[in-house]
Amino acid sequence: MSEKRDYYDTLGISKDASVDEIKKAYRKAAVKHHPDKGGDEAKFKEVSEAYEVLKDPAKKQRYDQFGHAGVAGGAAAGGNPFEGFNFNGQNINFDFGGFGGIEDIFDMFTGGGFSRQRSRGADYQTSVTIDFEEAIFGTEKTVGVRTGDHVKIKIPAGIDDGMQIRLTGKGGEPRGQGGDPGDLYVAINVRPHKKFTREGNLILSQETISMVDAALGCELEVDTVDGPVVMKVPAGAQSGTDFKLSGHGVPLIRSDGRGPQIVTIHVETPRNLSKRQKELLQEFEGGNKKRGLFGF
């Protein structure tokens, strides 16, 4: 697989381009490459992917700092965003809103016209709610169906909220002889986590450190879905700085490996200082007027 092209080069803009300049460059490129206008579909997807990252200040910051690895997942993960995949004989599909089956996906792009044999059984729909960690590492669940039979499903590591699992032949019985049973669609709901949030294949978290630790540097114990790890914070760290923990994010659902965890550092400003503490800070500031509070 060829290396991903730089997003700025893709849109033909500089790294200090404004939001309006990014939007204008995307519109121009999208019109040029749009398949409906005879353009190159691959290039159209490429410029769309670049725009999805650069238009978002948080994603743009991570891309500027970490490159493509910092925005792994979603559009940046590559591949057809409408394409499902197979896991242990189960089809994993993306939900387009509601519990519609594969027919609804065809209808969305063709305006209808998808027909089924009259003898085919009805499709059933249900849902299951899983924990954040279960979505990261995978799990097994038992779901109920209309007939009162229970079905066990295997949920793959890396599945996201809103995806569907299709179990072929686990729906209603055919209405005539020789027909096929319908399918069972299971919508996946993922409970929020109190510490982590997810963005594609990234796991995002925040940590707070003291002003002294930020100035002098420190080793910080950081929570991950794999357990606590020690992260080094260099001297002079600024509030809002992102740090990447490689391999502690979400598994890549169509390939090996995992995305990173992005840890945002917030520096806590001390409150309720004693008189002596205030005097020390004032003395320190007085000796570093030209260079700033910490001499940086």
C-alpha atoms as a PDB file:
ATOM      1  CA  MET A   1       0.000   0.000   0.000  1.00  0.00           C
ATOM      2  CA  SER A   2       1.396   3.378  -0.970  1.00  0.00           C
ATOM      3  CA  GLU A   3       2.145   5.953   1.704  1.00  0.00           C
ATOM      4  CA  LYS A   4      -0.583   8.460   2.422  1.00  0.00           C
ATOM      5  CA  ARG A   5      -0.086  11.846   0.830  1.00  0.00           C
ATOM      6  CA  ASP A   6       0.316  14.903   3.046  1.00  0.00           C
ATOM      7  CA  TYR A   7      -3.112  16.502   3.613  1.00  0.00           C
ATOM      8  CA  TYR A   8      -1.812  20.013   2.942  1.00  0.00           C
ATOM      9  CA  ASP A   9      -0.318  18.922  -0.374  1.00  0.00           C
ATOM     10  CA  THR A  10      -3.577  17.171  -1.235  1.00  0.00           C
ATOM     11  CA  LEU A  11      -5.512  20.430  -0.919  1.00  0.00           C
ATOM     12  CA  GLY A  12      -2.681  22.590  -2.263  1.00  0.00           C
ATOM     13  CA  ILE A  13      -2.461  24.815   0.802  1.00  0.00           C
ATOM     14  CA  SER A  14       0.154  25.813   3.363  1.00  0.00           C
ATOM     15  CA  LYS A  15       0.178  24.715   6.989  1.00  0.00           C
ATOM     16  CA  ASP A  16      -0.805  28.208   8.159  1.00  0.00           C
ATOM     17  CA  ALA A  17      -3.857  28.362   5.870  1.00  0.00           C
ATOM     18  CA  SER A  18      -6.970  29.867   7.470  1.00  0.00           C
ATOM     19  CA  VAL A  19     -10.268  28.014   7.885  1.00  0.00           C
ATOM     20  CA  ASP A  20     -11.713  29.940   4.915  1.00  0.00           C
ATOM     21  CA  GLU A  21      -8.692  29.067   2.771  1.00  0.00           C
ATOM     22  CA  ILE A  22      -9.027  25.378   3.683  1.00  0.00           C
ATOM     23  CA  LYS A  23     -12.731  25.427   2.819  1.00  0.00           C
ATOM     24  CA  LYS A  24     -12.147  27.247  -0.460  1.00  0.00           C
ATOM     25  CA  ALA A  25      -9.384  24.830  -1.501  1.00  0.00           C
ATOM     26  CA  TYR A  26     -11.574  21.839  -0.714  1.00  0.00           C
ATOM     27  CA  ARG A  27     -14.529  23.153  -2.694  1.00  0.00           C
ATOM     28  CA  LYS A  28     -12.323  23.790  -5.704  1.00  0.00           C
ATOM     29  CA  ALA A  29     -10.734  20.328  -5.528  1.00  0.00           C
ATOM     30  CA  ALA A  30     -14.069  18.598  -4.845  1.00  0.00           C
ATOM     31  CA  VAL A  31     -15.682  20.133  -7.912  1.00  0.00           C
ATOM     32  CA  LYS A  32     -12.677  19.193 -10.028  1.00  0.00           C
ATOM     33  CA  HIS A  33     -12.566  15.545  -8.929  1.00  0.00           C
ATOM     34  CA  HIS A  34     -16.244  14.790  -8.253  1.00  0.00           C
ATOM     35  CA  PRO A  35     -17.183  11.499 -10.004  1.00  0.00           C
ATOM     36  CA  ASP A  36     -20.542  12.907 -11.125  1.00  0.00           C
ATOM     37  CA  LYS A  37     -18.646  15.503 -13.114  1.00  0.00           C
ATOM     38  CA  GLY A  38     -16.267  13.036 -14.717  1.00  0.00           C
ATOM     39  CA  GLY A  39     -13.573  13.385 -12.088  1.00  0.00           C
ATOM     40  CA  ASP A  40     -11.321  10.835 -10.423  1.00  0.00           C
ATOM     41  CA  GLU A  41     -13.208   9.117  -7.581  1.00  0.00           C
ATOM     42  CA  ALA A  42     -10.012   8.139  -5.747  1.00  0.00           C
ATOM     43  CA  LYS A  43      -8.772  11.736  -5.748  1.00  0.00           C
ATOM     44  CA  PHE A  44     -12.197  12.958  -4.664  1.00  0.00           C
ATOM     45  CA  LYS A  45     -12.053  10.646  -1.622  1.00  0.00           C
ATOM     46  CA  GLU A  46      -8.500  11.812  -0.933  1.00  0.00           C
ATOM     47  CA  VAL A  47      -9.397  15.520  -0.840  1.00  0.00           C
ATOM     48  CA  SER A  48     -12.518  14.780   1.222  1.00  0.00           C
ATOM     49  CA  GLU A  49     -10.431  12.879   3.768  1.00  0.00           C
ATOM     50  CA  ALA A  50      -7.930  15.743   3.979  1.00  0.00           C
ATOM     51  CA  TYR A  51     -10.699  18.290   4.481  1.00  0.00           C
ATOM     52  CA  GLU A  52     -12.416  16.257   7.215  1.00  0.00           C
ATOM     53  CA  VAL A  53      -9.210  16.443   9.258  1.00  0.00           C
ATOM     54  CA  LEU A  54      -7.979  19.981   8.505  1.00  0.00           C
ATOM     55  CA  LYS A  55     -11.348  21.694   9.011  1.00  0.00           C
ATOM     56  CA  ASP A  56     -11.454  20.490  12.642  1.00  0.00           C
ATOM     57  CA  PRO A  57      -9.025  22.490  14.869  1.00  0.00           C
ATOM     58  CA  ALA A  58      -8.450  19.591  17.283  1.00  0.00           C
ATOM     59  CA  LYS A  59      -7.812  17.047  14.513  1.00  0.00           C
ATOM     60  CA  LYS A  60      -5.637  19.546  12.638  1.00  0.00           C
ATOM     61  CA  GLN A  61      -3.517  20.098  15.745  1.00  0.00           C
ATOM     62  CA  ARG A  62      -3.013  16.349  16.215  1.00  0.00           C
ATOM     63  CA  TYR A  63      -2.189  15.925  12.526  1.00  0.00           C
ATOM     64  CA  ASP A  64       0.371  18.751  12.676  1.00  0.00           C
ATOM     65  CA  GLN A  65       1.967  17.135  15.728  1.00  0.00           C
ATOM     66  CA  PHE A  66       1.762  13.421  14.943  1.00  0.00           C
ATOM     67  CA  GLY A  67       0.984  13.148  11.223  1.00  0.00           C
ATOM     68  CA  HIS A  68      -1.473  10.516   9.943  1.00  0.00           C
ATOM     69  CA  ALA A  69      -1.018   8.416  13.096  1.00  0.00           C
ATOM     70  CA  GLY A  70      -2.547  11.223  15.144  1.00  0.00           C
ATOM     71  CA  VAL A  71      -5.828  11.102  13.241  1.00  0.00           C
ATOM     72  CA  ALA A  72      -6.075   7.360  12.634  1.00  0.00           C
ATOM     73  CA  GLY A  73      -9.603   6.114  12.252  1.00  0.00           C
ATOM     74  CA  GLY A  74     -12.737   7.436  10.610  1.00  0.00           C
ATOM     75  CA  ALA A  75     -12.075   8.765   7.115  1.00  0.00           C
ATOM     76  CA  ALA A  76      -8.331   8.760   7.775  1.00  0.00           C
ATOM     77  CA  ALA A  77      -8.304   5.012   8.224  1.00  0.00           C
ATOM     78  CA  GLY A  78      -8.877   4.526   4.521  1.00  0.00           C
ATOM     79  CA  GLY A  79     -11.172   2.082   2.779  1.00  0.00           C
ATOM     80  CA  ASN A  80     -14.732   2.400   1.636  1.00  0.00           C
ATOM     81  CA  PRO A  81     -16.781   4.029   4.446  1.00  0.00           C
ATOM     82  CA  PHE A  82     -19.929   2.211   3.222  1.00  0.00           C
ATOM     83  CA  GLU A  83     -18.338  -1.237   3.093  1.00  0.00           C
ATOM     84  CA  GLY A  84     -19.000  -3.845   5.761  1.00  0.00           C
ATOM     85  CA  PHE A  85     -16.787  -6.770   6.674  1.00  0.00           C
ATOM     86  CA  ASN A  86     -17.048 -10.350   7.855  1.00  0.00           C
ATOM     87  CA  PHE A  87     -16.179 -11.515  11.362  1.00  0.00           C
ATOM     88  CA  ASN A  88     -16.559 -15.181  12.335  1.00  0.00           C
ATOM     89  CA  GLY A  89     -19.294 -15.660   9.763  1.00  0.00           C
ATOM     90  CA  GLN A  90     -21.133 -12.509  10.861  1.00  0.00           C
ATOM     91  CA  ASN A  91     -21.417  -9.426   8.675  1.00  0.00           C
ATOM     92  CA  ILE A  92     -20.493  -6.165  10.393  1.00  0.00           C
ATOM     93  CA  ASN A  93     -22.201  -3.182   8.769  1.00  0.00           C
ATOM     94  CA  PHE A  94     -22.359   0.548   9.373  1.00  0.00           C
ATOM     95  CA  ASP A  95     -25.703   1.910  10.488  1.00  0.00           C
ATOM     96  CA  PHE A  96     -27.085   4.781   8.408  1.00  0.00           C
ATOM     97  CA  GLY A  97     -29.681   5.772  10.987  1.00  0.00           C
ATOM     98  CA  GLY A  98     -32.319   3.459  12.380  1.00  0.00           C
ATOM     99  CA  PHE A  99     -32.477  -0.299  12.079  1.00  0.00           C
ATOM    100  CA  GLY A 100     -32.860  -0.545   8.295  1.00  0.00           C
ATOM    101  CA  GLY A 101     -31.265  -3.573   6.692  1.00  0.00           C
ATOM    102  CA  ILE A 102     -29.077  -3.818   3.625  1.00  0.00           C
ATOM    103  CA  GLU A 103     -32.059  -2.932   1.444  1.00  0.00           C
ATOM    104  CA  ASP A 104     -32.131   0.527   2.990  1.00  0.00           C
ATOM    105  CA  ILE A 105     -28.499   1.040   2.024  1.00  0.00           C
ATOM    106  CA  PHE A 106     -29.291   0.197  -1.598  1.00  0.00           C
ATOM    107  CA  ASP A 107     -32.323   2.478  -1.492  1.00  0.00           C
ATOM    108  CA  MET A 108     -30.183   5.339  -0.246  1.00  0.00           C
ATOM    109  CA  PHE A 109     -28.060   5.315  -3.388  1.00  0.00           C
ATOM    110  CA  THR A 110     -30.447   3.964  -6.025  1.00  0.00           C
ATOM    111  CA  GLY A 111     -33.783   5.401  -4.922  1.00  0.00           C
ATOM    112  CA  GLY A 112     -35.285   1.980  -4.277  1.00  0.00           C
ATOM    113  CA  GLY A 113     -35.732  -0.946  -6.578  1.00  0.00           C
ATOM    114  CA  PHE A 114     -34.120  -3.599  -4.389  1.00  0.00           C
ATOM    115  CA  SER A 115     -36.399  -6.625  -4.488  1.00  0.00           C
ATOM    116  CA  ARG A 116     -36.454  -9.836  -2.527  1.00  0.00           C
ATOM    117  CA  GLN A 117     -37.989 -13.199  -3.218  1.00  0.00           C
ATOM    118  CA  ARG A 118     -41.506 -13.522  -1.813  1.00  0.00           C
ATOM    119  CA  SER A 119     -40.627 -16.787  -0.073  1.00  0.00           C
ATOM    120  CA  ARG A 120     -37.837 -15.227   1.964  1.00  0.00           C
ATOM    121  CA  GLY A 121     -38.402 -14.880   5.692  1.00  0.00           C
ATOM    122  CA  ALA A 122     -38.655 -11.514   7.408  1.00  0.00           C
ATOM    123  CA  ASP A 123     -35.593  -9.694   8.716  1.00  0.00           C
ATOM    124  CA  TYR A 124     -35.552  -9.090  12.461  1.00  0.00           C
ATOM    125  CA  GLN A 125     -33.920  -6.190  14.266  1.00  0.00           C
ATOM    126  CA  THR A 126     -32.663  -5.888  17.825  1.00  0.00           C
ATOM    127  CA  SER A 127     -29.957  -4.035  19.715  1.00  0.00           C
ATOM    128  CA  VAL A 128     -27.399  -4.676  22.418  1.00  0.00           C
ATOM    129  CA  THR A 129     -25.553  -2.265  24.702  1.00  0.00           C
ATOM    130  CA  ILE A 130     -21.924  -2.926  25.609  1.00  0.00           C
ATOM    131  CA  ASP A 131     -19.300  -1.209  27.772  1.00  0.00           C
ATOM    132  CA  PHE A 132     -16.548   0.979  26.342  1.00  0.00           C
ATOM    133  CA  GLU A 133     -13.883  -1.641  27.123  1.00  0.00           C
ATOM    134  CA  GLU A 134     -15.964  -4.388  25.508  1.00  0.00           C
ATOM    135  CA  ALA A 135     -16.052  -2.356  22.305  1.00  0.00           C
ATOM    136  CA  ILE A 136     -12.270  -1.982  22.454  1.00  0.00           C
ATOM    137  CA  PHE A 137     -11.377  -5.614  23.165  1.00  0.00           C
ATOM    138  CA  GLY A 138     -14.396  -7.494  21.799  1.00  0.00           C
ATOM    139  CA  THR A 139     -16.905  -9.652  23.648  1.00  0.00           C
ATOM    140  CA  GLU A 140     -19.730 -12.173  23.306  1.00  0.00           C
ATOM    141  CA  LYS A 141     -23.369 -11.369  24.009  1.00  0.00           C
ATOM    142  CA  THR A 142     -26.672 -13.218  23.897  1.00  0.00           C
ATOM    143  CA  VAL A 143     -29.603 -11.371  22.344  1.00  0.00           C
ATOM    144  CA  GLY A 144     -33.267 -12.225  22.182  1.00  0.00           C
ATOM    145  CA  VAL A 145     -35.306 -12.383  18.975  1.00  0.00           C
ATOM    146  CA  ARG A 146     -39.047 -12.191  18.292  1.00  0.00           C
ATOM    147  CA  THR A 147     -39.560 -15.930  18.182  1.00  0.00           C
ATOM    148  CA  GLY A 148     -38.283 -16.294  21.775  1.00  0.00           C
ATOM    149  CA  ASP A 149     -35.165 -18.156  20.599  1.00  0.00           C
ATOM    150  CA  HIS A 150     -31.833 -16.596  22.011  1.00  0.00           C
ATOM    151  CA  VAL A 151     -28.846 -16.035  19.723  1.00  0.00           C
ATOM    152  CA  LYS A 152     -25.186 -15.690  20.789  1.00  0.00           C
ATOM    153  CA  ILE A 153     -23.123 -13.138  18.837  1.00  0.00           C
ATOM    154  CA  LYS A 154     -19.412 -12.456  18.796  1.00  0.00           C
ATOM    155  CA  ILE A 155     -18.610  -8.743  18.830  1.00  0.00           C
ATOM    156  CA  PRO A 156     -15.181  -7.953  17.316  1.00  0.00           C
ATOM    157  CA  ALA A 157     -12.552  -5.783  18.971  1.00  0.00           C
ATOM    158  CA  GLY A 158     -12.734  -2.207  17.721  1.00  0.00           C
ATOM    159  CA  ILE A 159     -16.459  -2.110  16.925  1.00  0.00           C
ATOM    160  CA  ASP A 160     -17.958   1.351  17.265  1.00  0.00           C
ATOM    161  CA  ASP A 161     -21.222   2.780  18.473  1.00  0.00           C
ATOM    162  CA  GLY A 162     -23.832   2.718  15.684  1.00  0.00           C
ATOM    163  CA  MET A 163     -22.467  -0.270  13.786  1.00  0.00           C
ATOM    164  CA  GLN A 164     -24.674  -3.283  13.032  1.00  0.00           C
ATOM    165  CA  ILE A 165     -23.971  -6.987  12.999  1.00  0.00           C
ATOM    166  CA  ARG A 166     -25.961  -9.054  10.502  1.00  0.00           C
ATOM    167  CA  LEU A 167     -26.483 -12.734  11.289  1.00  0.00           C
ATOM    168  CA  THR A 168     -27.496 -14.384   8.052  1.00  0.00           C
ATOM    169  CA  GLY A 169     -30.422 -16.772   8.334  1.00  0.00           C
ATOM    170  CA  LYS A 170     -31.227 -15.916  11.975  1.00  0.00           C
ATOM    171  CA  GLY A 171     -34.394 -13.982  11.146  1.00  0.00           C
ATOM    172  CA  GLY A 172     -37.930 -15.130  10.380  1.00  0.00           C
ATOM    173  CA  GLU A 173     -38.752 -18.436   8.735  1.00  0.00           C
ATOM    174  CA  PRO A 174     -39.613 -18.418   4.995  1.00  0.00           C
ATOM    175  CA  ARG A 175     -43.253 -18.038   4.044  1.00  0.00           C
ATOM    176  CA  GLY A 176     -43.156 -20.787   1.456  1.00  0.00           C
ATOM    177  CA  GLN A 177     -41.429 -24.034   0.680  1.00  0.00           C
ATOM    178  CA  GLY A 178     -37.870 -23.806  -0.541  1.00  0.00           C
ATOM    179  CA  GLY A 179     -37.366 -20.258   0.693  1.00  0.00           C
ATOM    180  CA  ASP A 180     -34.571 -18.857   2.850  1.00  0.00           C
ATOM    181  CA  PRO A 181     -34.921 -17.506   6.388  1.00  0.00           C
ATOM    182  CA  GLY A 182     -34.450 -13.805   6.945  1.00  0.00           C
ATOM    183  CA  ASP A 183     -31.506 -12.135   8.640  1.00  0.00           C
ATOM    184  CA  LEU A 184     -31.077 -10.752  12.141  1.00  0.00           C
ATOM    185  CA  TYR A 185     -29.645  -7.242  12.459  1.00  0.00           C
ATOM    186  CA  VAL A 186     -28.108  -6.330  15.817  1.00  0.00           C
ATOM    187  CA  ALA A 187     -27.410  -2.628  16.403  1.00  0.00           C
ATOM    188  CA  ILE A 188     -24.455  -1.921  18.703  1.00  0.00           C
ATOM    189  CA  ASN A 189     -24.754   0.750  21.396  1.00  0.00           C
ATOM    190  CA  VAL A 190     -21.611   1.620  23.376  1.00  0.00           C
ATOM    191  CA  ARG A 191     -21.881   3.130  26.859  1.00  0.00           C
ATOM    192  CA  PRO A 192     -19.796   6.294  27.438  1.00  0.00           C
ATOM    193  CA  HIS A 193     -16.699   5.998  29.613  1.00  0.00           C
ATOM    194  CA  LYS A 194     -16.072   8.351  32.539  1.00  0.00           C
ATOM    195  CA  LYS A 195     -12.383   8.761  31.647  1.00  0.00           C
ATOM    196  CA  PHE A 196     -11.981   8.106  27.926  1.00  0.00           C
ATOM    197  CA  THR A 197     -13.621   9.251  24.730  1.00  0.00           C
ATOM    198  CA  ARG A 198     -13.167   7.751  21.293  1.00  0.00           C
ATOM    199  CA  GLU A 199     -12.541   9.300  17.915  1.00  0.00           C
ATOM    200  CA  GLY A 200     -12.190   6.674  15.213  1.00  0.00           C
ATOM    201  CA  ASN A 201      -9.208   4.547  16.252  1.00  0.00           C
ATOM    202  CA  LEU A 202      -8.010   7.125  18.770  1.00  0.00           C
ATOM    203  CA  ILE A 203      -8.698   7.086  22.498  1.00  0.00           C
ATOM    204  CA  LEU A 204      -8.633  10.564  24.018  1.00  0.00           C
ATOM    205  CA  SER A 205      -8.023  11.433  27.669  1.00  0.00           C
ATOM    206  CA  GLN A 206      -6.906  14.341  29.829  1.00  0.00           C
ATOM    207  CA  GLU A 207      -4.505  14.687  32.744  1.00  0.00           C
ATOM    208  CA  THR A 208      -3.849  17.620  35.087  1.00  0.00           C
ATOM    209  CA  ILE A 209      -0.398  18.472  36.439  1.00  0.00           C
ATOM    210  CA  SER A 210       0.879  21.194  38.737  1.00  0.00           C
ATOM    211  CA  MET A 211       2.613  24.336  37.567  1.00  0.00           C
ATOM    212  CA  VAL A 212       5.841  23.110  39.144  1.00  0.00           C
ATOM    213  CA  ASP A 213       5.709  19.744  37.358  1.00  0.00           C
ATOM    214  CA  ALA A 214       5.033  21.534  34.094  1.00  0.00           C
ATOM    215  CA  ALA A 215       8.033  23.798  34.623  1.00  0.00           C
ATOM    216  CA  LEU A 216      10.486  21.145  35.791  1.00  0.00           C
ATOM    217  CA  GLY A 217       9.145  18.087  33.948  1.00  0.00           C
ATOM    218  CA  CYS A 218       7.858  14.926  35.581  1.00  0.00           C
ATOM    219  CA  GLU A 219       6.878  11.305  35.139  1.00  0.00           C
ATOM    220  CA  LEU A 220       3.104  10.946  35.136  1.00  0.00           C
ATOM    221  CA  GLU A 221       1.069   7.773  35.671  1.00  0.00           C
ATOM    222  CA  VAL A 222      -1.622   7.757  32.994  1.00  0.00           C
ATOM    223  CA  ASP A 223      -4.690   5.539  32.827  1.00  0.00           C
ATOM    224  CA  THR A 224      -5.203   3.534  29.624  1.00  0.00           C
ATOM    225  CA  VAL A 225      -7.637   0.754  28.694  1.00  0.00           C
ATOM    226  CA  ASP A 226      -4.641  -1.585  29.185  1.00  0.00           C
ATOM    227  CA  GLY A 227      -3.947  -0.316  32.700  1.00  0.00           C
ATOM    228  CA  PRO A 228      -1.741   2.500  34.023  1.00  0.00           C
ATOM    229  CA  VAL A 229       1.434   3.454  32.149  1.00  0.00           C
ATOM    230  CA  VAL A 230       4.147   5.990  32.964  1.00  0.00           C
ATOM    231  CA  MET A 231       4.441   8.933  30.572  1.00  0.00           C
ATOM    232  CA  LYS A 232       7.311  11.430  30.629  1.00  0.00           C
ATOM    233  CA  VAL A 233       6.328  15.097  30.552  1.00  0.00           C
ATOM    234  CA  PRO A 234       9.255  17.283  29.484  1.00  0.00           C
ATOM    235  CA  ALA A 235      10.254  20.456  31.294  1.00  0.00           C
ATOM    236  CA  GLY A 236       8.389  23.500  30.058  1.00  0.00           C
ATOM    237  CA  ALA A 237       5.226  21.628  29.033  1.00  0.00           C
ATOM    238  CA  GLN A 238       2.394  23.990  28.160  1.00  0.00           C
ATOM    239  CA  SER A 239      -1.251  23.532  29.043  1.00  0.00           C
ATOM    240  CA  GLY A 240      -3.153  21.971  26.149  1.00  0.00           C
ATOM    241  CA  THR A 241      -0.179  19.991  24.816  1.00  0.00           C
ATOM    242  CA  ASP A 242      -1.030  16.555  23.375  1.00  0.00           C
ATOM    243  CA  PHE A 243       1.100  13.467  24.010  1.00  0.00           C
ATOM    244  CA  LYS A 244       0.779  10.215  22.062  1.00  0.00           C
ATOM    245  CA  LEU A 245       0.820   6.766  23.651  1.00  0.00           C
ATOM    246  CA  SER A 246       1.324   4.439  20.697  1.00  0.00           C
ATOM    247  CA  GLY A 247      -0.567   1.155  20.687  1.00  0.00           C
ATOM    248  CA  HIS A 248      -2.990   2.048  23.487  1.00  0.00           C
ATOM    249  CA  GLY A 249      -5.905   3.103  21.279  1.00  0.00           C
ATOM    250  CA  VAL A 250      -8.608   1.171  19.422  1.00  0.00           C
ATOM    251  CA  PRO A 251      -7.753  -1.989  17.434  1.00  0.00           C
ATOM    252  CA  LEU A 252      -7.835  -1.511  13.670  1.00  0.00           C
ATOM    253  CA  ILE A 253     -10.941  -3.461  12.810  1.00  0.00           C
ATOM    254  CA  ARG A 254      -9.910  -4.510   9.288  1.00  0.00           C
ATOM    255  CA  SER A 255      -6.211  -5.093   9.986  1.00  0.00           C
ATOM    256  CA  ASP A 256      -3.653  -5.723  12.693  1.00  0.00           C
ATOM    257  CA  GLY A 257      -2.423  -3.096  15.096  1.00  0.00           C
ATOM    258  CA  ARG A 258      -4.024  -0.408  17.222  1.00  0.00           C
ATOM    259  CA  GLY A 259      -4.349   3.330  17.094  1.00  0.00           C
ATOM    260  CA  PRO A 260      -2.745   5.568  19.732  1.00  0.00           C
ATOM    261  CA  GLN A 261      -4.102   7.186  22.857  1.00  0.00           C
ATOM    262  CA  ILE A 262      -3.835  10.976  22.845  1.00  0.00           C
ATOM    263  CA  VAL A 263      -3.322  12.497  26.293  1.00  0.00           C
ATOM    264  CA  THR A 264      -3.973  16.237  26.646  1.00  0.00           C
ATOM    265  CA  ILE A 265      -2.113  17.907  29.512  1.00  0.00           C
ATOM    266  CA  HIS A 266      -3.717  20.710  31.518  1.00  0.00           C
ATOM    267  CA  VAL A 267      -1.561  22.782  33.856  1.00  0.00           C
ATOM    268  CA  GLU A 268      -3.273  23.683  37.135  1.00  0.00           C
ATOM    269  CA  THR A 269      -2.802  27.235  38.378  1.00  0.00           C
ATOM    270  CA  PRO A 270      -2.332  27.259  42.177  1.00  0.00           C
ATOM    271  CA  ARG A 271      -4.971  28.909  44.346  1.00  0.00           C
ATOM    272  CA  ASN A 272      -5.021  30.172  47.935  1.00  0.00           C
ATOM    273  CA  LEU A 273      -1.311  30.856  48.044  1.00  0.00           C
ATOM    274  CA  SER A 274       0.249  31.830  51.331  1.00  0.00           C
ATOM    275  CA  LYS A 275       1.854  35.240  51.672  1.00  0.00           C
ATOM    276  CA  ARG A 276       5.331  33.680  51.481  1.00  0.00           C
ATOM    277  CA  GLN A 277       4.440  31.690  48.354  1.00  0.00           C
ATOM    278  CA  LYS A 278       3.202  34.842  46.662  1.00  0.00           C
ATOM    279  CA  GLU A 279       6.406  36.650  47.595  1.00  0.00           C
ATOM    280  CA  LEU A 280       8.528  33.837  46.141  1.00  0.00           C
ATOM    281  CA  LEU A 281       6.591  33.885  42.870  1.00  0.00           C
ATOM    282  CA  GLN A 282       6.860  37.667  42.666  1.00  0.00           C
ATOM    283  CA  GLU A 283      10.603  37.459  43.283  1.00  0.00           C
ATOM    284  CA  PHE A 284      10.940  34.786  40.628  1.00  0.00           C
ATOM    285  CA  GLU A 285       8.905  36.811  38.146  1.00  0.00           C
ATOM    286  CA  GLY A 286      10.935  39.890  38.865  1.00  0.00           C
ATOM    287  CA  GLY A 287      14.124  38.064  37.912  1.00  0.00           C
ATOM    288  CA  ASN A 288      12.646  36.750  34.670  1.00  0.00           C
ATOM    289  CA  LYS A 289      10.673  39.716  33.329  1.00  0.00           C
ATOM    290  CA  LYS A 290      12.323  39.610  29.946  1.00  0.00           C
ATOM    291  CA  ARG A 291      12.023  35.831  29.503  1.00  0.00           C
ATOM    292  CA  GLY A 292       8.640  35.140  31.075  1.00  0.00           C
ATOM    293  CA  LEU A 293       7.684  33.490  34.323  1.00  0.00           C
ATOM    294  CA  PHE A 294       9.781  30.349  33.881  1.00  0.00           C
ATOM    295  CA  GLY A 295      12.529  31.774  31.723  1.00  0.00           C
ATOM    296  CA  PHE A 296      11.330  30.146  28.459  1.00  0.00           C
END
